[in-house]
Amino acid sequence: MTQSQPELSPYDTGARCEPKLWQPDSEAVAEAMRSGEAGGIGNVDFTNDENSTVVTVHVSRDDGMYTVHLIPMFSDDQIRVELHRRKNLVMIEPGADRPV
C-alpha cells in the first residue's frame, strides 16, 4: 500500500501569492480605527513563497466608482496588471502608463 502525497496548493507551489489581511476580524478593524490607523483597513498583502510582500491591495468606493489600489513592494517592472472583463482582457504591461 502506497501512501499518497498531499496535493500542493497554488500557494505552496508559488504559482499564486498568498493573501494576508491586515485586520483579520472586526475586533482588529475597530482597534485600527481607535488607534488612528483607519487608512490601512481593507488592505491585503499578497506574499510570495518567501513570505515577502509582493503587492498591497485595497478597493475603495468614491463617486459611485470602485477603485482598485495596487501598491507594489517590488520594482514596477515586475508587476503586470490584468483586468478580466466579460468580453475582453485589458493588461497594463510593466513600464506602460496605459492599458495595452
PDB file of N, CA and C in Angstrom:
ATOM      1  N   MET A   1       0.844  -1.180   0.000  1.00  0.00           N
ATOM      2  CA  MET A   1       0.000   0.000   0.000  1.00  0.00           C
ATOM      3  C   MET A   1       0.887   1.239   0.000  1.00  0.00           C
ATOM      4  N   THR A   2       0.658   2.138  -0.945  1.00  0.00           N
ATOM      5  CA  THR A   2       1.455   3.360  -1.017  1.00  0.00           C
ATOM      6  C   THR A   2       0.745   4.501  -0.311  1.00  0.00           C
ATOM      7  N   GLN A   3       1.553   5.338   0.293  1.00  0.00           N
ATOM      8  CA  GLN A   3       0.995   6.492   0.976  1.00  0.00           C
ATOM      9  C   GLN A   3       0.889   7.631  -0.030  1.00  0.00           C
ATOM     10  N   SER A   4      -0.281   8.257  -0.108  1.00  0.00           N
ATOM     11  CA  SER A   4      -0.468   9.346  -1.066  1.00  0.00           C
ATOM     12  C   SER A   4       0.182  10.619  -0.544  1.00  0.00           C
ATOM     13  N   GLN A   5       0.721  11.374  -1.488  1.00  0.00           N
ATOM     14  CA  GLN A   5       1.336  12.644  -1.155  1.00  0.00           C
ATOM     15  C   GLN A   5       0.236  13.708  -1.078  1.00  0.00           C
ATOM     16  N   PRO A   6       0.354  14.643  -0.140  1.00  0.00           N
ATOM     17  CA  PRO A   6      -0.654  15.703  -0.082  1.00  0.00           C
ATOM     18  C   PRO A   6      -0.575  16.563  -1.349  1.00  0.00           C
ATOM     19  N   GLU A   7      -1.727  16.994  -1.825  1.00  0.00           N
ATOM     20  CA  GLU A   7      -1.779  17.834  -3.009  1.00  0.00           C
ATOM     21  C   GLU A   7      -1.325  19.249  -2.634  1.00  0.00           C
ATOM     22  N   LEU A   8      -0.445  19.806  -3.441  1.00  0.00           N
ATOM     23  CA  LEU A   8       0.062  21.151  -3.171  1.00  0.00           C
ATOM     24  C   LEU A   8      -0.873  22.190  -3.766  1.00  0.00           C
ATOM     25  N   SER A   9      -1.135  23.233  -3.005  1.00  0.00           N
ATOM     26  CA  SER A   9      -1.985  24.325  -3.481  1.00  0.00           C
ATOM     27  C   SER A   9      -1.146  25.285  -4.332  1.00  0.00           C
ATOM     28  N   PRO A  10      -1.794  26.174  -5.089  1.00  0.00           N
ATOM     29  CA  PRO A  10      -1.033  27.185  -5.835  1.00  0.00           C
ATOM     30  C   PRO A  10      -0.189  28.074  -4.918  1.00  0.00           C
ATOM     31  N   TYR A  11      -0.605  28.233  -3.658  1.00  0.00           N
ATOM     32  CA  TYR A  11       0.204  28.993  -2.698  1.00  0.00           C
ATOM     33  C   TYR A  11       1.481  28.223  -2.367  1.00  0.00           C
ATOM     34  N   ASP A  12       1.351  26.900  -2.219  1.00  0.00           N
ATOM     35  CA  ASP A  12       2.505  26.061  -1.889  1.00  0.00           C
ATOM     36  C   ASP A  12       3.531  26.044  -3.015  1.00  0.00           C
ATOM     37  N   THR A  13       3.051  26.040  -4.257  1.00  0.00           N
ATOM     38  CA  THR A  13       3.964  25.938  -5.403  1.00  0.00           C
ATOM     39  C   THR A  13       4.535  27.284  -5.829  1.00  0.00           C
ATOM     40  N   GLY A  14       3.985  28.386  -5.314  1.00  0.00           N
ATOM     41  CA  GLY A  14       4.443  29.709  -5.717  1.00  0.00           C
ATOM     42  C   GLY A  14       3.733  30.236  -6.954  1.00  0.00           C
ATOM     43  N   ALA A  15       2.742  29.491  -7.475  1.00  0.00           N
ATOM     44  CA  ALA A  15       2.000  29.940  -8.659  1.00  0.00           C
ATOM     45  C   ALA A  15       1.097  31.134  -8.334  1.00  0.00           C
ATOM     46  N   ARG A  16       0.679  31.252  -7.089  1.00  0.00           N
ATOM     47  CA  ARG A  16      -0.124  32.388  -6.643  1.00  0.00           C
ATOM     48  C   ARG A  16       0.455  32.946  -5.361  1.00  0.00           C
ATOM     49  N   CYS A  17       0.329  34.255  -5.213  1.00  0.00           N
ATOM     50  CA  CYS A  17       0.734  34.889  -3.963  1.00  0.00           C
ATOM     51  C   CYS A  17      -0.390  34.706  -2.950  1.00  0.00           C
ATOM     52  N   GLU A  18      -0.018  34.521  -1.701  1.00  0.00           N
ATOM     53  CA  GLU A  18      -0.997  34.237  -0.660  1.00  0.00           C
ATOM     54  C   GLU A  18      -1.489  35.532  -0.009  1.00  0.00           C
ATOM     55  N   PRO A  19      -2.827  35.688   0.125  1.00  0.00           N
ATOM     56  CA  PRO A  19      -3.365  36.902   0.743  1.00  0.00           C
ATOM     57  C   PRO A  19      -3.218  36.881   2.258  1.00  0.00           C
ATOM     58  N   LYS A  20      -2.845  38.031   2.810  1.00  0.00           N
ATOM     59  CA  LYS A  20      -2.735  38.195   4.261  1.00  0.00           C
ATOM     60  C   LYS A  20      -3.445  39.500   4.629  1.00  0.00           C
ATOM     61  N   LEU A  21      -4.606  39.394   5.256  1.00  0.00           N
ATOM     62  CA  LEU A  21      -5.359  40.577   5.664  1.00  0.00           C
ATOM     63  C   LEU A  21      -4.614  41.348   6.748  1.00  0.00           C
ATOM     64  N   TRP A  22      -4.645  42.661   6.655  1.00  0.00           N
ATOM     65  CA  TRP A  22      -4.030  43.465   7.706  1.00  0.00           C
ATOM     66  C   TRP A  22      -4.824  43.345   9.003  1.00  0.00           C
ATOM     67  N   GLN A  23      -6.147  43.330   8.900  1.00  0.00           N
ATOM     68  CA  GLN A  23      -7.007  43.138  10.072  1.00  0.00           C
ATOM     69  C   GLN A  23      -7.829  41.873   9.821  1.00  0.00           C
ATOM     70  N   PRO A  24      -7.567  40.809  10.536  1.00  0.00           N
ATOM     71  CA  PRO A  24      -8.217  39.527  10.254  1.00  0.00           C
ATOM     72  C   PRO A  24      -9.667  39.416  10.716  1.00  0.00           C
ATOM     73  N   ASP A  25     -10.135  40.359  11.559  1.00  0.00           N
ATOM     74  CA  ASP A  25     -11.510  40.261  12.057  1.00  0.00           C
ATOM     75  C   ASP A  25     -12.013  41.645  12.457  1.00  0.00           C
ATOM     76  N   SER A  26     -13.282  41.716  12.849  1.00  0.00           N
ATOM     77  CA  SER A  26     -13.897  43.014  13.165  1.00  0.00           C
ATOM     78  C   SER A  26     -13.268  43.680  14.391  1.00  0.00           C
ATOM     79  N   GLU A  27     -12.785  42.890  15.336  1.00  0.00           N
ATOM     80  CA  GLU A  27     -12.107  43.482  16.500  1.00  0.00           C
ATOM     81  C   GLU A  27     -10.841  44.217  16.070  1.00  0.00           C
ATOM     82  N   ALA A  28     -10.092  43.630  15.150  1.00  0.00           N
ATOM     83  CA  ALA A  28      -8.873  44.273  14.668  1.00  0.00           C
ATOM     84  C   ALA A  28      -9.198  45.538  13.875  1.00  0.00           C
ATOM     85  N   VAL A  29     -10.309  45.529  13.133  1.00  0.00           N
ATOM     86  CA  VAL A  29     -10.742  46.730  12.410  1.00  0.00           C
ATOM     87  C   VAL A  29     -11.083  47.839  13.401  1.00  0.00           C
ATOM     88  N   ALA A  30     -11.833  47.512  14.443  1.00  0.00           N
ATOM     89  CA  ALA A  30     -12.202  48.501  15.456  1.00  0.00           C
ATOM     90  C   ALA A  30     -10.956  49.069  16.129  1.00  0.00           C
ATOM     91  N   GLU A  31      -9.986  48.224  16.426  1.00  0.00           N
ATOM     92  CA  GLU A  31      -8.738  48.687  17.048  1.00  0.00           C
ATOM     93  C   GLU A  31      -7.977  49.623  16.109  1.00  0.00           C
ATOM     94  N   ALA A  32      -7.947  49.313  14.828  1.00  0.00           N
ATOM     95  CA  ALA A  32      -7.285  50.176  13.848  1.00  0.00           C
ATOM     96  C   ALA A  32      -7.957  51.539  13.793  1.00  0.00           C
ATOM     97  N   MET A  33      -9.275  51.567  13.888  1.00  0.00           N
ATOM     98  CA  MET A  33      -9.997  52.843  13.874  1.00  0.00           C
ATOM     99  C   MET A  33      -9.705  53.640  15.138  1.00  0.00           C
ATOM    100  N   ARG A  34      -9.689  52.976  16.284  1.00  0.00           N
ATOM    101  CA  ARG A  34      -9.399  53.658  17.552  1.00  0.00           C
ATOM    102  C   ARG A  34      -7.983  54.214  17.578  1.00  0.00           C
ATOM    103  N   SER A  35      -7.056  53.516  16.966  1.00  0.00           N
ATOM    104  CA  SER A  35      -5.654  53.938  17.022  1.00  0.00           C
ATOM    105  C   SER A  35      -5.291  54.948  15.938  1.00  0.00           C
ATOM    106  N   GLY A  36      -6.264  55.309  15.091  1.00  0.00           N
ATOM    107  CA  GLY A  36      -5.986  56.289  14.043  1.00  0.00           C
ATOM    108  C   GLY A  36      -5.345  55.687  12.802  1.00  0.00           C
ATOM    109  N   GLU A  37      -5.369  54.377  12.680  1.00  0.00           N
ATOM    110  CA  GLU A  37      -4.770  53.703  11.526  1.00  0.00           C
ATOM    111  C   GLU A  37      -5.836  53.206  10.559  1.00  0.00           C
ATOM    112  N   ALA A  38      -6.947  53.956  10.443  1.00  0.00           N
ATOM    113  CA  ALA A  38      -8.076  53.524   9.606  1.00  0.00           C
ATOM    114  C   ALA A  38      -7.699  53.439   8.138  1.00  0.00           C
ATOM    115  N   GLY A  39      -6.658  54.152   7.704  1.00  0.00           N
ATOM    116  CA  GLY A  39      -6.238  54.104   6.302  1.00  0.00           C
ATOM    117  C   GLY A  39      -5.788  52.731   5.857  1.00  0.00           C
ATOM    118  N   GLY A  40      -5.418  51.879   6.786  1.00  0.00           N
ATOM    119  CA  GLY A  40      -4.974  50.530   6.446  1.00  0.00           C
ATOM    120  C   GLY A  40      -6.097  49.502   6.420  1.00  0.00           C
ATOM    121  N   ILE A  41      -7.326  49.933   6.770  1.00  0.00           N
ATOM    122  CA  ILE A  41      -8.441  48.985   6.816  1.00  0.00           C
ATOM    123  C   ILE A  41      -8.761  48.506   5.402  1.00  0.00           C
ATOM    124  N   GLY A  42      -8.870  47.209   5.260  1.00  0.00           N
ATOM    125  CA  GLY A  42      -9.171  46.607   3.965  1.00  0.00           C
ATOM    126  C   GLY A  42      -7.940  46.263   3.154  1.00  0.00           C
ATOM    127  N   ASN A  43      -6.766  46.659   3.622  1.00  0.00           N
ATOM    128  CA  ASN A  43      -5.542  46.311   2.902  1.00  0.00           C
ATOM    129  C   ASN A  43      -5.277  44.821   3.011  1.00  0.00           C
ATOM    130  N   VAL A  44      -4.821  44.268   1.908  1.00  0.00           N
ATOM    131  CA  VAL A  44      -4.424  42.865   1.864  1.00  0.00           C
ATOM    132  C   VAL A  44      -3.026  42.811   1.268  1.00  0.00           C
ATOM    133  N   ASP A  45      -2.102  42.190   1.982  1.00  0.00           N
ATOM    134  CA  ASP A  45      -0.764  41.936   1.444  1.00  0.00           C
ATOM    135  C   ASP A  45      -0.812  40.601   0.718  1.00  0.00           C
ATOM    136  N   PHE A  46      -0.185  40.545  -0.439  1.00  0.00           N
ATOM    137  CA  PHE A  46      -0.018  39.277  -1.142  1.00  0.00           C
ATOM    138  C   PHE A  46       1.461  38.936  -1.060  1.00  0.00           C
ATOM    139  N   THR A  47       1.760  37.782  -0.450  1.00  0.00           N
ATOM    140  CA  THR A  47       3.136  37.389  -0.194  1.00  0.00           C
ATOM    141  C   THR A  47       3.565  36.257  -1.116  1.00  0.00           C
ATOM    142  N   ASN A  48       4.871  36.229  -1.410  1.00  0.00           N
ATOM    143  CA  ASN A  48       5.415  35.150  -2.236  1.00  0.00           C
ATOM    144  C   ASN A  48       5.797  33.966  -1.355  1.00  0.00           C
ATOM    145  N   ASP A  49       6.422  32.954  -1.963  1.00  0.00           N
ATOM    146  CA  ASP A  49       6.757  31.749  -1.209  1.00  0.00           C
ATOM    147  C   ASP A  49       7.868  31.970  -0.189  1.00  0.00           C
ATOM    148  N   GLU A  50       8.493  33.152  -0.213  1.00  0.00           N
ATOM    149  CA  GLU A  50       9.490  33.510   0.803  1.00  0.00           C
ATOM    150  C   GLU A  50       8.879  34.378   1.896  1.00  0.00           C
ATOM    151  N   ASN A  51       7.533  34.545   1.850  1.00  0.00           N
ATOM    152  CA  ASN A  51       6.769  35.344   2.796  1.00  0.00           C
ATOM    153  C   ASN A  51       7.096  36.832   2.720  1.00  0.00           C
ATOM    154  N   SER A  52       7.609  37.292   1.570  1.00  0.00           N
ATOM    155  CA  SER A  52       7.837  38.717   1.332  1.00  0.00           C
ATOM    156  C   SER A  52       6.607  39.292   0.639  1.00  0.00           C
ATOM    157  N   THR A  53       6.220  40.497   1.030  1.00  0.00           N
ATOM    158  CA  THR A  53       5.066  41.131   0.401  1.00  0.00           C
ATOM    159  C   THR A  53       5.421  41.544  -1.016  1.00  0.00           C
ATOM    160  N   VAL A  54       4.613  41.104  -1.986  1.00  0.00           N
ATOM    161  CA  VAL A  54       4.792  41.441  -3.396  1.00  0.00           C
ATOM    162  C   VAL A  54       4.016  42.712  -3.715  1.00  0.00           C
ATOM    163  N   VAL A  55       2.759  42.769  -3.245  1.00  0.00           N
ATOM    164  CA  VAL A  55       1.900  43.920  -3.502  1.00  0.00           C
ATOM    165  C   VAL A  55       0.871  44.026  -2.377  1.00  0.00           C
ATOM    166  N   THR A  56       0.499  45.258  -2.044  1.00  0.00           N
ATOM    167  CA  THR A  56      -0.589  45.516  -1.109  1.00  0.00           C
ATOM    168  C   THR A  56      -1.749  46.060  -1.930  1.00  0.00           C
ATOM    169  N   VAL A  57      -2.965  45.554  -1.658  1.00  0.00           N
ATOM    170  CA  VAL A  57      -4.141  45.898  -2.458  1.00  0.00           C
ATOM    171  C   VAL A  57      -5.296  46.268  -1.542  1.00  0.00           C
ATOM    172  N   HIS A  58      -6.067  47.253  -1.975  1.00  0.00           N
ATOM    173  CA  HIS A  58      -7.368  47.507  -1.352  1.00  0.00           C
ATOM    174  C   HIS A  58      -8.297  48.103  -2.399  1.00  0.00           C
ATOM    175  N   VAL A  59      -9.598  48.054  -2.122  1.00  0.00           N
ATOM    176  CA  VAL A  59     -10.612  48.586  -3.027  1.00  0.00           C
ATOM    177  C   VAL A  59     -11.382  49.657  -2.279  1.00  0.00           C
ATOM    178  N   SER A  60     -11.544  50.815  -2.924  1.00  0.00           N
ATOM    179  CA  SER A  60     -12.331  51.899  -2.323  1.00  0.00           C
ATOM    180  C   SER A  60     -13.498  52.239  -3.236  1.00  0.00           C
ATOM    181  N   ARG A  61     -14.445  52.953  -2.682  1.00  0.00           N
ATOM    182  CA  ARG A  61     -15.586  53.402  -3.478  1.00  0.00           C
ATOM    183  C   ARG A  61     -15.687  54.903  -3.328  1.00  0.00           C
ATOM    184  N   ASP A  62     -15.549  55.598  -4.444  1.00  0.00           N
ATOM    185  CA  ASP A  62     -15.622  57.051  -4.479  1.00  0.00           C
ATOM    186  C   ASP A  62     -16.471  57.463  -5.669  1.00  0.00           C
ATOM    187  N   ASP A  63     -17.367  58.409  -5.475  1.00  0.00           N
ATOM    188  CA  ASP A  63     -18.191  58.933  -6.571  1.00  0.00           C
ATOM    189  C   ASP A  63     -18.909  57.827  -7.335  1.00  0.00           C
ATOM    190  N   GLY A  64     -19.354  56.775  -6.638  1.00  0.00           N
ATOM    191  CA  GLY A  64     -20.078  55.687  -7.280  1.00  0.00           C
ATOM    192  C   GLY A  64     -19.212  54.731  -8.070  1.00  0.00           C
ATOM    193  N   MET A  65     -17.900  54.916  -8.041  1.00  0.00           N
ATOM    194  CA  MET A  65     -16.965  54.049  -8.767  1.00  0.00           C
ATOM    195  C   MET A  65     -16.151  53.245  -7.756  1.00  0.00           C
ATOM    196  N   TYR A  66     -15.759  52.051  -8.166  1.00  0.00           N
ATOM    197  CA  TYR A  66     -14.843  51.247  -7.370  1.00  0.00           C
ATOM    198  C   TYR A  66     -13.447  51.422  -7.935  1.00  0.00           C
ATOM    199  N   THR A  67     -12.493  51.649  -7.064  1.00  0.00           N
ATOM    200  CA  THR A  67     -11.104  51.808  -7.477  1.00  0.00           C
ATOM    201  C   THR A  67     -10.261  50.756  -6.777  1.00  0.00           C
ATOM    202  N   VAL A  68      -9.491  50.002  -7.568  1.00  0.00           N
ATOM    203  CA  VAL A  68      -8.561  49.014  -7.022  1.00  0.00           C
ATOM    204  C   VAL A  68      -7.206  49.699  -6.900  1.00  0.00           C
ATOM    205  N   HIS A  69      -6.680  49.718  -5.703  1.00  0.00           N
ATOM    206  CA  HIS A  69      -5.393  50.352  -5.429  1.00  0.00           C
ATOM    207  C   HIS A  69      -4.338  49.266  -5.285  1.00  0.00           C
ATOM    208  N   LEU A  70      -3.289  49.336  -6.087  1.00  0.00           N
ATOM    209  CA  LEU A  70      -2.172  48.391  -6.034  1.00  0.00           C
ATOM    210  C   LEU A  70      -0.933  49.144  -5.589  1.00  0.00           C
ATOM    211  N   ILE A  71      -0.294  48.662  -4.546  1.00  0.00           N
ATOM    212  CA  ILE A  71       0.930  49.276  -4.049  1.00  0.00           C
ATOM    213  C   ILE A  71       2.036  48.230  -4.171  1.00  0.00           C
ATOM    214  N   PRO A  72       2.818  48.279  -5.272  1.00  0.00           N
ATOM    215  CA  PRO A  72       3.870  47.278  -5.466  1.00  0.00           C
ATOM    216  C   PRO A  72       4.972  47.427  -4.421  1.00  0.00           C
ATOM    217  N   MET A  73       5.458  46.301  -3.940  1.00  0.00           N
ATOM    218  CA  MET A  73       6.575  46.291  -2.999  1.00  0.00           C
ATOM    219  C   MET A  73       7.852  45.804  -3.680  1.00  0.00           C
ATOM    220  N   PHE A  74       7.760  45.566  -4.983  1.00  0.00           N
ATOM    221  CA  PHE A  74       8.909  45.204  -5.807  1.00  0.00           C
ATOM    222  C   PHE A  74       9.034  46.255  -6.887  1.00  0.00           C
ATOM    223  N   SER A  75      10.031  46.146  -7.702  1.00  0.00           N
ATOM    224  CA  SER A  75      10.216  47.068  -8.811  1.00  0.00           C
ATOM    225  C   SER A  75       8.981  47.063  -9.705  1.00  0.00           C
ATOM    226  N   ASP A  76       8.596  48.243 -10.198  1.00  0.00           N
ATOM    227  CA  ASP A  76       7.424  48.347 -11.064  1.00  0.00           C
ATOM    228  C   ASP A  76       7.529  47.442 -12.282  1.00  0.00           C
ATOM    229  N   ASP A  77       8.738  47.152 -12.737  1.00  0.00           N
ATOM    230  CA  ASP A  77       8.865  46.328 -13.939  1.00  0.00           C
ATOM    231  C   ASP A  77       8.620  44.843 -13.660  1.00  0.00           C
ATOM    232  N   GLN A  78       8.284  44.504 -12.414  1.00  0.00           N
ATOM    233  CA  GLN A  78       7.935  43.128 -12.075  1.00  0.00           C
ATOM    234  C   GLN A  78       6.434  42.949 -11.865  1.00  0.00           C
ATOM    235  N   ILE A  79       5.649  44.001 -12.104  1.00  0.00           N
ATOM    236  CA  ILE A  79       4.210  43.950 -11.883  1.00  0.00           C
ATOM    237  C   ILE A  79       3.481  44.178 -13.205  1.00  0.00           C
ATOM    238  N   ARG A  80       2.580  43.266 -13.553  1.00  0.00           N
ATOM    239  CA  ARG A  80       1.683  43.430 -14.697  1.00  0.00           C
ATOM    240  C   ARG A  80       0.270  43.349 -14.143  1.00  0.00           C
ATOM    241  N   VAL A  81      -0.604  44.228 -14.604  1.00  0.00           N
ATOM    242  CA  VAL A  81      -1.986  44.249 -14.146  1.00  0.00           C
ATOM    243  C   VAL A  81      -2.876  43.720 -15.264  1.00  0.00           C
ATOM    244  N   GLU A  82      -3.774  42.792 -14.926  1.00  0.00           N
ATOM    245  CA  GLU A  82      -4.755  42.269 -15.876  1.00  0.00           C
ATOM    246  C   GLU A  82      -6.149  42.534 -15.320  1.00  0.00           C
ATOM    247  N   LEU A  83      -6.986  43.150 -16.133  1.00  0.00           N
ATOM    248  CA  LEU A  83      -8.370  43.392 -15.777  1.00  0.00           C
ATOM    249  C   LEU A  83      -9.221  42.438 -16.609  1.00  0.00           C
ATOM    250  N   HIS A  84      -9.813  41.463 -15.964  1.00  0.00           N
ATOM    251  CA  HIS A  84     -10.609  40.446 -16.653  1.00  0.00           C
ATOM    252  C   HIS A  84     -12.050  40.938 -16.743  1.00  0.00           C
ATOM    253  N   ARG A  85     -12.498  41.138 -17.968  1.00  0.00           N
ATOM    254  CA  ARG A  85     -13.875  41.572 -18.214  1.00  0.00           C
ATOM    255  C   ARG A  85     -14.629  40.445 -18.899  1.00  0.00           C
ATOM    256  N   ARG A  86     -15.935  40.591 -18.999  1.00  0.00           N
ATOM    257  CA  ARG A  86     -16.743  39.559 -19.649  1.00  0.00           C
ATOM    258  C   ARG A  86     -16.363  39.382 -21.113  1.00  0.00           C
ATOM    259  N   LYS A  87     -16.066  40.472 -21.794  1.00  0.00           N
ATOM    260  CA  LYS A  87     -15.819  40.390 -23.236  1.00  0.00           C
ATOM    261  C   LYS A  87     -14.348  40.452 -23.617  1.00  0.00           C
ATOM    262  N   ASN A  88     -13.508  40.985 -22.751  1.00  0.00           N
ATOM    263  CA  ASN A  88     -12.105  41.104 -23.132  1.00  0.00           C
ATOM    264  C   ASN A  88     -11.211  41.188 -21.897  1.00  0.00           C
ATOM    265  N   LEU A  89      -9.944  41.203 -22.173  1.00  0.00           N
ATOM    266  CA  LEU A  89      -8.925  41.304 -21.141  1.00  0.00           C
ATOM    267  C   LEU A  89      -8.127  42.577 -21.409  1.00  0.00           C
ATOM    268  N   VAL A  90      -7.953  43.391 -20.390  1.00  0.00           N
ATOM    269  CA  VAL A  90      -7.155  44.606 -20.503  1.00  0.00           C
ATOM    270  C   VAL A  90      -5.911  44.393 -19.656  1.00  0.00           C
ATOM    271  N   MET A  91      -4.733  44.683 -20.227  1.00  0.00           N
ATOM    272  CA  MET A  91      -3.490  44.498 -19.490  1.00  0.00           C
ATOM    273  C   MET A  91      -2.697  45.791 -19.459  1.00  0.00           C
ATOM    274  N   ILE A  92      -2.035  46.025 -18.344  1.00  0.00           N
ATOM    275  CA  ILE A  92      -1.048  47.092 -18.230  1.00  0.00           C
ATOM    276  C   ILE A  92       0.280  46.388 -18.030  1.00  0.00           C
ATOM    277  N   GLU A  93       1.122  46.483 -19.039  1.00  0.00           N
ATOM    278  CA  GLU A  93       2.427  45.818 -19.009  1.00  0.00           C
ATOM    279  C   GLU A  93       3.415  46.639 -18.199  1.00  0.00           C
ATOM    280  N   PRO A  94       4.448  45.995 -17.654  1.00  0.00           N
ATOM    281  CA  PRO A  94       5.479  46.734 -16.919  1.00  0.00           C
ATOM    282  C   PRO A  94       6.056  47.861 -17.769  1.00  0.00           C
ATOM    283  N   GLY A  95       6.190  49.024 -17.178  1.00  0.00           N
ATOM    284  CA  GLY A  95       6.754  50.182 -17.866  1.00  0.00           C
ATOM    285  C   GLY A  95       5.736  50.954 -18.692  1.00  0.00           C
ATOM    286  N   ALA A  96       4.523  50.449 -18.849  1.00  0.00           N
ATOM    287  CA  ALA A  96       3.499  51.142 -19.633  1.00  0.00           C
ATOM    288  C   ALA A  96       2.667  52.023 -18.701  1.00  0.00           C
ATOM    289  N   ASP A  97       2.242  53.154 -19.217  1.00  0.00           N
ATOM    290  CA  ASP A  97       1.395  54.049 -18.432  1.00  0.00           C
ATOM    291  C   ASP A  97      -0.077  53.809 -18.692  1.00  0.00           C
ATOM    292  N   ARG A  98      -0.383  53.138 -19.800  1.00  0.00           N
ATOM    293  CA  ARG A  98      -1.781  52.917 -20.184  1.00  0.00           C
ATOM    294  C   ARG A  98      -2.016  51.449 -20.521  1.00  0.00           C
ATOM    295  N   PRO A  99      -3.271  51.025 -20.424  1.00  0.00           N
ATOM    296  CA  PRO A  99      -3.581  49.633 -20.791  1.00  0.00           C
ATOM    297  C   PRO A  99      -3.192  49.319 -22.215  1.00  0.00           C
ATOM    298  N   VAL A 100      -2.804  48.070 -22.434  1.00  0.00           N
ATOM    299  CA  VAL A 100      -2.445  47.594 -23.751  1.00  0.00           C
ATOM    300  C   VAL A 100      -3.664  46.979 -24.415  1.00  0.00           C
TER     301      VAL A 100
END
